[in-house]
Amino acid sequence: MKKLLMLTFLFLLSGCNLRTLDPVSETASDQAFLIKLGFWIMMVVVGVVTILFVAFTLKYRETDKNRYDIPKHEEGNRTLEIIWTVLPIILLVCLAIPTVIITYQASNISANPEETVHVNVTGEQFKWTFEYENGKKTHEKLVLPVNRDVIFHLKSKDVIHSFWVPRLAGKKDVIPGTVNKLEVVPNKTGTYQGKCAEFCGILHADMRFTTEVVSQQDFEEWLSSKKK
């Protein structure tokens, strides 16, 4: 029964196509790098703790030989104190430096209006509205050109939402009364899923949309096509 439940759970998960670690933009690649870096730092800590746990369990287990032995008291061992103080600091620094650099780069919006595509994104219960510079609006589909800067201008009509296309970039809050900006450069054509990642009400799960990254020519043709 347990195996059946586990297989069912894995089958349901296989239908999820919101993949974070399969980036199609430089922003998403940098953020995926931070996730992997944090994971491997965590695995180093887990590995060291596991090895020490097993080693001490075997060394100090009860046997006829050491049943009445008293281990050496290590209180005030300066070497051990330095090791378990310095090592965590080194690991935190290894994670903090690239995190600060990548976060700063992601928040630094470029100022090149001729080469940049601007999209006004409005979140409301329970849909997204995407408006392009020529006035064209869509709701369930976001179309972007490949290998061009895209700046999203994010605002909300009601409550806090969160704009998220995992393969393009991390989550960005959409807050009433504030316009937040997110810049990405899609580097691969394809269709990618997006959603609201901040619980915003009873139909929160319906705030999904499709992102299509197309060639520059296809984007221009789509943009100039008849507005629906």
Protein backbone atom coordinates (compact mmCIF):
# COMPACT_ATOMS: atom_id res chain seq x y z
CA MET A 1 0.00 0.00 0.00
CA LYS A 2 2.84 2.39 0.87
CA LYS A 3 4.56 1.69 -2.44
CA LEU A 4 1.33 2.38 -4.32
CA LEU A 5 0.88 5.71 -2.55
CA MET A 6 4.49 6.68 -3.26
CA LEU A 7 4.17 5.79 -6.95
CA THR A 8 0.93 7.79 -7.15
CA PHE A 9 2.63 10.78 -5.52
CA LEU A 10 5.59 10.61 -7.93
CA PHE A 11 3.21 10.26 -10.88
CA LEU A 12 1.35 13.42 -9.85
CA LEU A 13 4.63 15.30 -9.42
CA SER A 14 5.71 14.27 -12.90
CA GLY A 15 2.94 16.44 -14.30
CA CYS A 16 4.47 19.59 -12.85
CA ASN A 17 6.40 21.52 -15.51
CA LEU A 18 7.43 24.49 -13.37
CA ARG A 19 11.12 23.62 -13.52
CA THR A 20 13.45 25.94 -11.63
CA LEU A 21 16.75 24.20 -12.41
CA ASP A 22 16.33 24.23 -16.19
CA PRO A 23 16.97 27.94 -16.94
CA VAL A 24 16.51 29.65 -20.29
CA SER A 25 17.90 33.08 -19.33
CA GLU A 26 21.06 34.41 -17.72
CA THR A 27 19.07 35.62 -14.70
CA ALA A 28 17.57 32.18 -14.13
CA SER A 29 20.98 30.54 -14.68
CA ASP A 30 22.56 32.71 -11.99
CA GLN A 31 19.74 31.94 -9.56
CA ALA A 32 19.96 28.21 -10.33
CA PHE A 33 23.70 28.41 -9.58
CA LEU A 34 22.92 29.84 -6.14
CA ILE A 35 20.45 27.03 -5.45
CA LYS A 36 23.03 24.40 -6.43
CA LEU A 37 25.79 26.14 -4.48
CA GLY A 38 23.64 26.26 -1.35
CA PHE A 39 22.69 22.60 -1.84
CA TRP A 40 26.30 21.40 -2.10
CA ILE A 41 27.40 23.50 0.88
CA MET A 42 24.56 21.91 2.83
CA MET A 43 25.65 18.44 1.65
CA VAL A 44 29.20 19.13 2.85
CA VAL A 45 27.83 19.95 6.31
CA VAL A 46 25.55 16.91 6.30
CA GLY A 47 28.42 14.68 5.15
CA VAL A 48 30.82 15.91 7.86
CA VAL A 49 28.18 15.57 10.59
CA THR A 50 27.24 12.07 9.38
CA ILE A 51 30.86 10.90 9.29
CA LEU A 52 31.54 12.27 12.79
CA PHE A 53 28.33 10.76 14.11
CA VAL A 54 29.17 7.29 12.75
CA ALA A 55 32.81 7.54 13.87
CA PHE A 56 31.95 8.52 17.45
CA THR A 57 29.14 5.97 17.62
CA LEU A 58 31.55 3.19 16.67
CA LYS A 59 34.42 4.46 18.79
CA TYR A 60 32.47 4.95 22.01
CA ARG A 61 29.97 2.13 21.72
CA GLU A 62 29.68 -0.10 24.74
CA THR A 63 32.01 -3.13 24.63
CA ASP A 64 33.65 -5.31 27.24
CA LYS A 65 36.89 -3.44 26.64
CA ASN A 66 35.72 0.18 27.06
CA ARG A 67 32.66 -0.33 29.26
CA TYR A 68 34.40 1.27 32.24
CA ASP A 69 36.81 3.55 30.35
CA ILE A 70 36.29 7.27 30.77
CA PRO A 71 36.99 9.26 27.56
CA LYS A 72 39.47 12.10 27.77
CA HIS A 73 37.81 15.37 28.70
CA GLU A 74 38.37 17.98 25.95
CA GLU A 75 37.08 21.09 27.69
CA GLY A 76 38.99 24.16 26.59
CA ASN A 77 40.51 22.55 23.47
CA ARG A 78 41.42 25.67 21.54
CA THR A 79 42.07 23.84 18.25
CA LEU A 80 38.58 22.30 18.17
CA GLU A 81 36.96 25.59 19.14
CA ILE A 82 38.75 27.42 16.31
CA ILE A 83 37.79 24.73 13.79
CA TRP A 84 34.06 24.68 14.57
CA THR A 85 33.98 28.49 14.64
CA VAL A 86 36.00 29.23 11.50
CA LEU A 87 34.58 26.54 9.19
CA PRO A 88 30.94 27.77 9.35
CA ILE A 89 32.15 31.32 8.71
CA ILE A 90 34.05 30.16 5.62
CA LEU A 91 30.98 28.31 4.31
CA LEU A 92 28.74 31.34 4.89
CA VAL A 93 31.20 33.63 3.11
CA CYS A 94 31.35 31.22 0.14
CA LEU A 95 27.57 31.47 -0.12
CA ALA A 96 27.18 35.16 0.75
CA ILE A 97 29.61 36.65 -1.80
CA PRO A 98 27.99 35.22 -4.98
CA THR A 99 24.53 35.80 -3.49
CA VAL A 100 25.20 39.52 -3.01
CA ILE A 101 26.76 39.87 -6.47
CA ILE A 102 23.97 38.05 -8.31
CA THR A 103 21.22 39.79 -6.33
CA TYR A 104 22.74 43.19 -7.14
CA GLN A 105 23.02 42.31 -10.83
CA ALA A 106 19.39 41.11 -10.95
CA SER A 107 18.13 44.35 -9.38
CA ASN A 108 20.20 46.59 -11.66
CA ILE A 109 17.75 47.50 -14.44
CA SER A 110 19.39 48.62 -17.69
CA ALA A 111 18.48 51.89 -19.39
CA ASN A 112 18.50 51.21 -23.15
CA PRO A 113 15.01 52.06 -24.42
CA GLU A 114 15.78 51.31 -28.09
CA GLU A 115 16.82 47.71 -27.49
CA THR A 116 14.46 46.87 -24.63
CA VAL A 117 10.96 45.44 -24.74
CA HIS A 118 8.75 46.86 -22.00
CA VAL A 119 5.71 44.95 -20.76
CA ASN A 120 3.27 46.29 -18.19
CA VAL A 121 2.10 43.42 -16.00
CA THR A 122 -1.00 43.87 -13.85
CA GLY A 123 -2.02 41.27 -11.30
CA GLU A 124 -5.54 41.10 -9.92
CA GLN A 125 -7.83 38.48 -8.45
CA PHE A 126 -7.58 36.20 -10.32
CA LYS A 127 -5.83 36.92 -13.61
CA TRP A 128 -2.82 38.60 -15.21
CA THR A 129 -2.94 41.35 -17.81
CA PHE A 130 0.07 41.92 -20.10
CA GLU A 131 0.17 45.21 -21.99
CA TYR A 132 2.82 45.99 -24.62
CA GLU A 133 4.14 49.38 -25.72
CA ASN A 134 1.80 49.53 -28.73
CA GLY A 135 -1.24 49.02 -26.48
CA LYS A 136 -1.80 45.34 -27.24
CA LYS A 137 -3.12 43.38 -24.25
CA THR A 138 -3.25 39.68 -23.44
CA HIS A 139 -4.30 37.73 -20.37
CA GLU A 140 -3.36 34.06 -20.52
CA LYS A 141 -0.37 34.27 -22.89
CA LEU A 142 2.84 36.29 -22.61
CA VAL A 143 4.88 36.51 -25.83
CA LEU A 144 8.56 37.56 -25.70
CA PRO A 145 11.37 37.86 -28.28
CA VAL A 146 14.46 35.70 -27.88
CA ASN A 147 17.83 37.32 -27.07
CA ARG A 148 16.40 40.75 -26.25
CA ASP A 149 16.14 42.63 -22.99
CA VAL A 150 12.65 42.47 -21.54
CA ILE A 151 11.64 44.66 -18.61
CA PHE A 152 8.44 43.84 -16.77
CA HIS A 153 6.70 46.70 -14.94
CA LEU A 154 4.76 44.91 -12.22
CA LYS A 155 1.77 46.36 -10.39
CA SER A 156 -1.31 45.07 -8.57
CA LYS A 157 -4.93 46.23 -8.58
CA ASP A 158 -5.88 44.65 -5.26
CA VAL A 159 -3.72 42.39 -3.07
CA ILE A 160 -0.10 41.23 -3.11
CA HIS A 161 0.71 38.81 -5.92
CA SER A 162 3.99 37.26 -7.04
CA PHE A 163 5.07 37.09 -10.70
CA TRP A 164 6.97 33.89 -11.44
CA VAL A 165 8.21 32.19 -14.60
CA PRO A 166 10.70 29.72 -13.05
CA ARG A 167 12.75 29.11 -16.20
CA LEU A 168 13.17 32.85 -16.83
CA ALA A 169 13.71 34.31 -13.35
CA GLY A 170 12.87 34.02 -9.69
CA LYS A 171 9.73 35.34 -8.02
CA LYS A 172 9.04 39.07 -7.95
CA ASP A 173 6.40 40.53 -5.64
CA VAL A 174 3.58 42.54 -7.20
CA ILE A 175 2.45 45.07 -4.59
CA PRO A 176 -0.48 47.51 -4.68
CA GLY A 177 0.62 51.14 -5.03
CA THR A 178 4.14 50.17 -6.13
CA VAL A 179 5.67 49.40 -9.53
CA ASN A 180 8.39 46.75 -9.26
CA LYS A 181 10.65 45.98 -12.21
CA LEU A 182 12.11 42.69 -13.38
CA GLU A 183 14.56 42.35 -16.27
CA VAL A 184 15.26 39.13 -18.18
CA VAL A 185 16.86 38.15 -21.48
CA PRO A 186 15.33 34.90 -22.79
CA ASN A 187 17.99 32.95 -24.65
CA LYS A 188 15.98 29.98 -25.92
CA THR A 189 12.72 29.77 -27.83
CA GLY A 190 9.96 27.63 -26.38
CA THR A 191 6.87 27.61 -24.21
CA TYR A 192 7.23 28.04 -20.46
CA GLN A 193 4.72 28.14 -17.64
CA GLY A 194 4.19 31.05 -15.26
CA LYS A 195 2.01 31.59 -12.23
CA CYS A 196 1.26 33.68 -9.18
CA ALA A 197 3.47 32.41 -6.36
CA GLU A 198 1.80 34.39 -3.54
CA PHE A 199 -1.49 33.08 -2.12
CA CYS A 200 -4.01 35.76 -3.04
CA GLY A 201 -7.42 34.21 -2.50
CA ILE A 202 -9.67 31.26 -3.14
CA LEU A 203 -8.90 31.07 -6.90
CA HIS A 204 -5.17 31.65 -6.49
CA ALA A 205 -4.39 28.41 -8.37
CA ASP A 206 -6.10 29.82 -11.49
CA MET A 207 -3.54 32.63 -11.84
CA ARG A 208 -1.45 30.76 -14.39
CA PHE A 209 -0.25 31.85 -17.80
CA THR A 210 1.84 30.60 -20.71
CA THR A 211 5.04 32.33 -21.80
CA GLU A 212 6.08 31.90 -25.43
CA VAL A 213 9.59 32.93 -26.41
CA VAL A 214 9.76 33.35 -30.18
CA SER A 215 12.10 34.73 -32.81
CA GLN A 216 12.34 38.48 -33.32
CA GLN A 217 10.45 38.27 -36.61
CA ASP A 218 7.64 36.17 -35.14
CA PHE A 219 7.40 38.57 -32.20
CA GLU A 220 7.09 41.62 -34.46
CA GLU A 221 4.41 39.87 -36.54
CA TRP A 222 2.49 38.84 -33.43
CA LEU A 223 2.79 42.30 -31.91
CA SER A 224 1.43 43.98 -35.03
CA SER A 225 -1.38 41.47 -35.55
CA LYS A 226 -4.97 42.41 -34.84
CA LYS A 227 -5.66 43.04 -31.16
CA LYS A 228 -8.10 40.68 -29.52
